[in-house]
Amino acid sequence: MSVDALPPRPARAASPGLVLGAALSAVFVVMALVGLVWTPHDAAVLDVSQRLQGPSGAHPFGTDHLGRDVLSLIVAGAWNSLAVSLVAVGIGIAAGVPLGLWAAAQGGWADEVLGRVNDIVFAFPAILLAVMITAAAGPGALNAIVAIGIFNIPVFARVARGSALPLWRREFVLAARVAGKGRLRISAEHILPNISSQLIVQGTIQFALGILAEAGLSYVGLGAQPPAASWGRMLNEAQTFYAAAPWLVIAPGLAIVLAVLGLSLLGDAARDLLDPRLRRR
């Protein structure tokens, strides 16, 4: 039987996790972008006469203790979570990946120093480290970004180093060294493209963790400050009225859960697709 006569291999169907994760992530991103230009009601307008109204046609998720539309606060708060997490992950990638590549390329004392610094940072829980930084620098979205970004640096440095080390023993890297290329050029031209899939997966996971971290900082008053909308602060303000108005807790809590769940599923699906070993299984 000739090779040309072989039937084509059937295309693999997209996994349910990938479909659900992509759908939830797309809804989150679209909601954040829409919230920049439009919300059902003005999220900053107070109307005490409409306080603690239950879900209705005018206010699908009800109103809070200041008369603000909860749905509008959810939509407006999505952008804050997206922006903080995205920039914090960008800081981690921009600083951590070069450090990891440099440590893998140099080896010796450079690799040892980076490993010990990473161990010290990982000895502290992420949210505790973020709370310490924001408490020292003061509350605000910018300080929250810096705090979360600082924790992301050793995460991406470790992933980059761990992924790059085996590649330095591969034939194509040895050939590049014989051709006279320096370690910096080899890292940029040969190592980085080959570890991009691991970095993409880790970036998706850190994006989800960034949303949780931002919500936690806002919950304790160290994140975005009023009048900016924040899911974490909505939970903090709602706890006093939980018995009388449970929708104040359910709406932002569900938004956080769905956003983190979508990004986590997307990260797991991306790992399965991009990792050759898992793809063969």
Protein backbone atom coordinates (compact mmCIF):
# COMPACT_ATOMS: atom_id res chain seq x y z
CA MET A 1 0.00 0.00 0.00
CA SER A 2 1.52 3.31 -1.04
CA VAL A 3 1.97 6.20 1.32
CA ASP A 4 -0.32 8.35 -0.82
CA ALA A 5 -3.15 5.86 -0.33
CA LEU A 6 -3.09 6.08 3.44
CA PRO A 7 -6.23 7.69 4.85
CA PRO A 8 -5.72 11.05 6.49
CA ARG A 9 -5.54 11.09 10.25
CA PRO A 10 -8.69 12.48 11.83
CA ALA A 11 -8.33 15.90 13.39
CA ARG A 12 -8.33 15.97 17.17
CA ALA A 13 -11.42 17.54 18.65
CA ALA A 14 -10.85 20.45 20.96
CA SER A 15 -10.93 19.39 24.60
CA PRO A 16 -13.88 20.55 26.74
CA GLY A 17 -11.44 22.31 29.06
CA LEU A 18 -10.00 24.33 26.19
CA VAL A 19 -13.43 25.32 24.91
CA LEU A 20 -14.75 26.29 28.35
CA GLY A 21 -11.55 28.08 29.33
CA ALA A 22 -11.39 30.02 26.08
CA ALA A 23 -15.07 30.99 26.36
CA LEU A 24 -14.80 32.18 29.98
CA SER A 25 -11.55 34.04 29.27
CA ALA A 26 -13.05 35.71 26.19
CA VAL A 27 -16.08 36.85 28.18
CA PHE A 28 -13.79 38.28 30.87
CA VAL A 29 -11.60 40.15 28.38
CA VAL A 30 -14.56 41.50 26.38
CA MET A 31 -16.31 42.61 29.56
CA ALA A 32 -13.16 44.42 30.71
CA LEU A 33 -12.75 46.21 27.38
CA VAL A 34 -16.44 47.14 27.21
CA GLY A 35 -16.27 48.45 30.77
CA LEU A 36 -13.75 51.07 29.63
CA VAL A 37 -16.34 52.83 27.48
CA TRP A 38 -19.77 51.65 28.68
CA THR A 39 -21.57 50.24 31.70
CA PRO A 40 -25.33 49.74 32.16
CA HIS A 41 -25.31 52.52 34.76
CA ASP A 42 -22.64 54.95 35.90
CA ALA A 43 -20.66 52.92 38.42
CA ALA A 44 -19.55 56.07 40.27
CA VAL A 45 -23.02 57.60 40.78
CA LEU A 46 -24.50 57.20 44.26
CA ASP A 47 -28.29 56.95 44.72
CA VAL A 48 -29.01 56.20 48.36
CA SER A 49 -32.76 56.08 47.64
CA GLN A 50 -32.10 52.88 45.61
CA ARG A 51 -29.80 51.21 48.16
CA LEU A 52 -29.92 47.45 48.69
CA GLN A 53 -32.49 46.86 45.96
CA GLY A 54 -32.82 43.22 44.92
CA PRO A 55 -32.23 41.93 41.39
CA SER A 56 -34.70 43.42 38.91
CA GLY A 57 -35.03 44.35 35.25
CA ALA A 58 -33.35 47.70 35.86
CA HIS A 59 -30.65 46.20 38.08
CA PRO A 60 -30.09 42.51 37.19
CA PHE A 61 -27.65 42.02 40.08
CA GLY A 62 -29.33 44.52 42.44
CA THR A 63 -27.77 47.60 44.02
CA ASP A 64 -25.27 47.99 46.84
CA HIS A 65 -25.45 49.90 50.12
CA LEU A 66 -24.76 53.18 48.29
CA GLY A 67 -27.33 52.62 45.55
CA ARG A 68 -24.80 51.76 42.84
CA ASP A 69 -25.70 49.18 40.21
CA VAL A 70 -23.83 45.95 41.04
CA LEU A 71 -23.67 44.80 37.41
CA SER A 72 -22.03 48.08 36.42
CA LEU A 73 -19.49 47.68 39.22
CA ILE A 74 -18.72 44.13 38.03
CA VAL A 75 -18.19 45.30 34.44
CA ALA A 76 -16.08 48.29 35.50
CA GLY A 77 -14.06 46.19 37.96
CA ALA A 78 -13.14 43.66 35.26
CA TRP A 79 -10.82 46.20 33.64
CA ASN A 80 -9.01 46.83 36.92
CA SER A 81 -8.40 43.09 37.38
CA LEU A 82 -7.31 42.66 33.75
CA ALA A 83 -4.96 45.66 33.76
CA VAL A 84 -3.30 44.85 37.09
CA SER A 85 -2.77 41.18 36.22
CA LEU A 86 -1.61 41.85 32.66
CA VAL A 87 0.98 44.47 33.64
CA ALA A 88 2.17 42.39 36.60
CA VAL A 89 2.71 39.37 34.34
CA GLY A 90 4.49 41.63 31.86
CA ILE A 91 6.86 42.78 34.61
CA GLY A 92 7.57 39.18 35.54
CA ILE A 93 8.31 38.20 31.94
CA ALA A 94 10.39 41.28 31.14
CA ALA A 95 12.63 40.87 34.19
CA GLY A 96 12.43 37.17 35.04
CA VAL A 97 13.00 35.59 31.62
CA PRO A 98 16.32 37.41 30.92
CA LEU A 99 17.51 36.51 34.43
CA GLY A 100 16.66 32.86 33.92
CA LEU A 101 18.29 32.74 30.50
CA TRP A 102 21.41 34.48 31.85
CA ALA A 103 21.71 32.03 34.77
CA ALA A 104 21.31 29.02 32.47
CA ALA A 105 23.89 30.40 30.04
CA GLN A 106 26.49 31.34 32.66
CA GLY A 107 26.07 28.48 35.12
CA GLY A 108 28.36 28.38 38.15
CA TRP A 109 27.99 31.20 40.67
CA ALA A 110 25.36 33.06 38.62
CA ASP A 111 23.07 30.04 38.58
CA GLU A 112 23.66 29.43 42.27
CA VAL A 113 22.92 33.02 43.29
CA LEU A 114 19.69 33.13 41.29
CA GLY A 115 18.59 29.83 42.79
CA ARG A 116 19.16 31.03 46.36
CA VAL A 117 17.36 34.35 45.76
CA ASN A 118 14.41 32.46 44.30
CA ASP A 119 14.33 30.18 47.34
CA ILE A 120 14.19 33.21 49.65
CA VAL A 121 11.33 34.80 47.70
CA PHE A 122 9.36 31.55 47.50
CA ALA A 123 9.69 31.14 51.26
CA PHE A 124 7.03 33.84 51.60
CA PRO A 125 3.46 33.21 50.38
CA ALA A 126 2.69 35.35 47.32
CA ILE A 127 -0.21 37.23 48.85
CA LEU A 128 1.74 37.87 52.08
CA LEU A 129 4.66 39.31 50.12
CA ALA A 130 2.28 41.51 48.12
CA VAL A 131 0.61 42.72 51.33
CA MET A 132 4.02 43.58 52.84
CA ILE A 133 5.05 45.60 49.77
CA THR A 134 1.77 47.48 49.39
CA ALA A 135 1.57 48.14 53.13
CA ALA A 136 5.05 49.68 53.01
CA ALA A 137 4.52 51.64 49.76
CA GLY A 138 0.90 52.58 50.39
CA PRO A 139 -2.41 51.39 48.90
CA GLY A 140 -3.22 51.86 45.23
CA ALA A 141 -3.47 50.03 41.92
CA LEU A 142 0.10 50.99 40.90
CA ASN A 143 1.63 49.57 44.06
CA ALA A 144 -0.48 46.43 43.68
CA ILE A 145 0.93 45.99 40.16
CA VAL A 146 4.48 46.39 41.45
CA ALA A 147 3.89 43.98 44.34
CA ILE A 148 2.41 41.23 42.16
CA GLY A 149 5.00 41.86 39.44
CA ILE A 150 7.89 41.47 41.89
CA PHE A 151 6.64 38.03 42.90
CA ASN A 152 6.26 37.05 39.22
CA ILE A 153 9.94 37.77 38.49
CA PRO A 154 11.40 34.71 40.29
CA VAL A 155 8.57 32.54 38.94
CA PHE A 156 9.47 33.29 35.32
CA ALA A 157 13.19 33.22 36.11
CA ARG A 158 12.87 29.68 37.45
CA VAL A 159 10.77 28.51 34.50
CA ALA A 160 13.17 30.07 31.97
CA ARG A 161 16.24 28.64 33.69
CA GLY A 162 14.76 25.16 34.12
CA SER A 163 13.60 25.03 30.50
CA ALA A 164 16.85 26.44 29.08
CA LEU A 165 19.37 24.27 30.95
CA PRO A 166 18.70 21.02 29.00
CA LEU A 167 18.87 22.89 25.70
CA TRP A 168 22.47 23.94 26.29
CA ARG A 169 23.47 20.29 25.87
CA ARG A 170 21.59 19.86 22.59
CA GLU A 171 23.36 19.50 19.26
CA PHE A 172 21.97 22.64 17.65
CA VAL A 173 23.29 24.77 20.53
CA LEU A 174 26.69 23.09 20.36
CA ALA A 175 26.73 23.78 16.62
CA ALA A 176 25.93 27.44 17.26
CA ARG A 177 28.80 27.67 19.75
CA VAL A 178 31.19 26.06 17.27
CA ALA A 179 30.05 28.64 14.69
CA GLY A 180 31.32 31.36 17.04
CA LYS A 181 28.04 32.68 18.45
CA GLY A 182 28.16 34.11 21.95
CA ARG A 183 26.02 32.99 24.85
CA LEU A 184 23.76 36.06 24.65
CA ARG A 185 23.08 35.56 20.95
CA ILE A 186 22.46 31.83 21.41
CA SER A 187 20.01 32.56 24.21
CA ALA A 188 18.09 35.04 22.07
CA GLU A 189 18.14 33.17 18.76
CA HIS A 190 18.01 29.51 19.79
CA ILE A 191 17.03 29.06 23.44
CA LEU A 192 14.21 31.58 23.82
CA PRO A 193 12.14 30.41 20.80
CA ASN A 194 12.36 26.83 22.07
CA ILE A 195 11.06 27.65 25.57
CA SER A 196 8.32 30.06 24.47
CA SER A 197 5.60 27.44 24.92
CA GLN A 198 6.52 26.91 28.59
CA LEU A 199 6.53 30.67 29.12
CA ILE A 200 3.09 31.05 27.50
CA VAL A 201 1.61 28.39 29.75
CA GLN A 202 3.19 29.89 32.86
CA GLY A 203 2.02 33.36 31.83
CA THR A 204 -1.57 32.15 31.61
CA ILE A 205 -1.33 30.57 35.06
CA GLN A 206 0.24 33.69 36.59
CA PHE A 207 -2.48 35.79 34.95
CA ALA A 208 -5.11 33.82 36.86
CA LEU A 209 -3.13 34.07 40.10
CA GLY A 210 -2.74 37.81 39.50
CA ILE A 211 -6.51 38.25 39.49
CA LEU A 212 -6.73 36.43 42.81
CA ALA A 213 -3.88 38.49 44.26
CA GLU A 214 -5.43 41.77 43.10
CA ALA A 215 -8.78 40.79 44.61
CA GLY A 216 -7.08 39.87 47.88
CA LEU A 217 -5.19 43.16 48.08
CA SER A 218 -8.34 45.13 47.30
CA TYR A 219 -10.26 43.13 49.90
CA VAL A 220 -7.90 44.29 52.66
CA GLY A 221 -7.89 47.87 51.30
CA LEU A 222 -4.44 47.82 49.66
CA GLY A 223 -5.52 47.59 46.02
CA ALA A 224 -7.38 50.04 43.79
CA GLN A 225 -8.92 52.87 45.77
CA PRO A 226 -12.37 54.48 45.38
CA PRO A 227 -13.93 55.56 43.10
CA ALA A 228 -12.27 52.86 40.95
CA ALA A 229 -14.35 49.66 40.95
CA SER A 230 -12.73 46.51 42.31
CA TRP A 231 -14.13 43.02 42.81
CA GLY A 232 -12.14 42.49 46.00
CA ARG A 233 -13.35 45.71 47.59
CA MET A 234 -16.93 44.84 46.60
CA LEU A 235 -16.59 41.65 48.65
CA ASN A 236 -15.19 43.61 51.58
CA GLU A 237 -18.06 46.11 51.52
CA ALA A 238 -20.68 43.38 51.06
CA GLN A 239 -19.77 41.28 54.09
CA THR A 240 -21.65 43.63 56.43
CA PHE A 241 -24.86 43.25 54.40
CA TYR A 242 -24.58 39.55 53.58
CA ALA A 243 -27.71 38.50 55.48
CA ALA A 244 -29.89 41.27 54.02
CA ALA A 245 -28.41 41.39 50.50
CA PRO A 246 -26.60 38.14 49.60
CA TRP A 247 -26.34 39.19 45.94
CA LEU A 248 -23.65 41.69 46.94
CA VAL A 249 -21.36 38.77 47.78
CA ILE A 250 -22.48 36.32 45.11
CA ALA A 251 -21.97 38.63 42.10
CA PRO A 252 -18.30 39.67 42.64
CA GLY A 253 -17.40 36.27 44.09
CA LEU A 254 -18.80 34.51 41.03
CA ALA A 255 -16.97 36.95 38.73
CA ILE A 256 -13.63 36.15 40.41
CA VAL A 257 -14.27 32.40 40.34
CA LEU A 258 -15.27 32.32 36.66
CA ALA A 259 -12.39 34.55 35.52
CA VAL A 260 -9.78 32.50 37.40
CA LEU A 261 -11.39 29.22 36.34
CA GLY A 262 -11.38 30.24 32.68
CA LEU A 263 -7.73 31.26 32.69
CA SER A 264 -6.71 28.15 34.65
CA LEU A 265 -8.49 25.85 32.20
CA LEU A 266 -6.94 27.75 29.31
CA GLY A 267 -3.48 27.35 30.82
CA ASP A 268 -3.96 23.61 31.35
CA ALA A 269 -5.21 23.18 27.79
CA ALA A 270 -2.30 25.22 26.43
CA ARG A 271 0.15 23.03 28.34
CA ASP A 272 -1.44 19.89 26.87
CA LEU A 273 -1.28 21.34 23.36
CA LEU A 274 2.22 22.81 23.51
CA ASP A 275 4.04 20.10 25.49
CA PRO A 276 5.16 17.39 23.00
CA ARG A 277 5.27 14.70 25.70
CA LEU A 278 1.68 15.31 26.77
CA ARG A 279 0.59 15.61 23.14
CA ARG A 280 1.99 12.14 22.36
CA ARG A 281 0.09 10.65 25.29
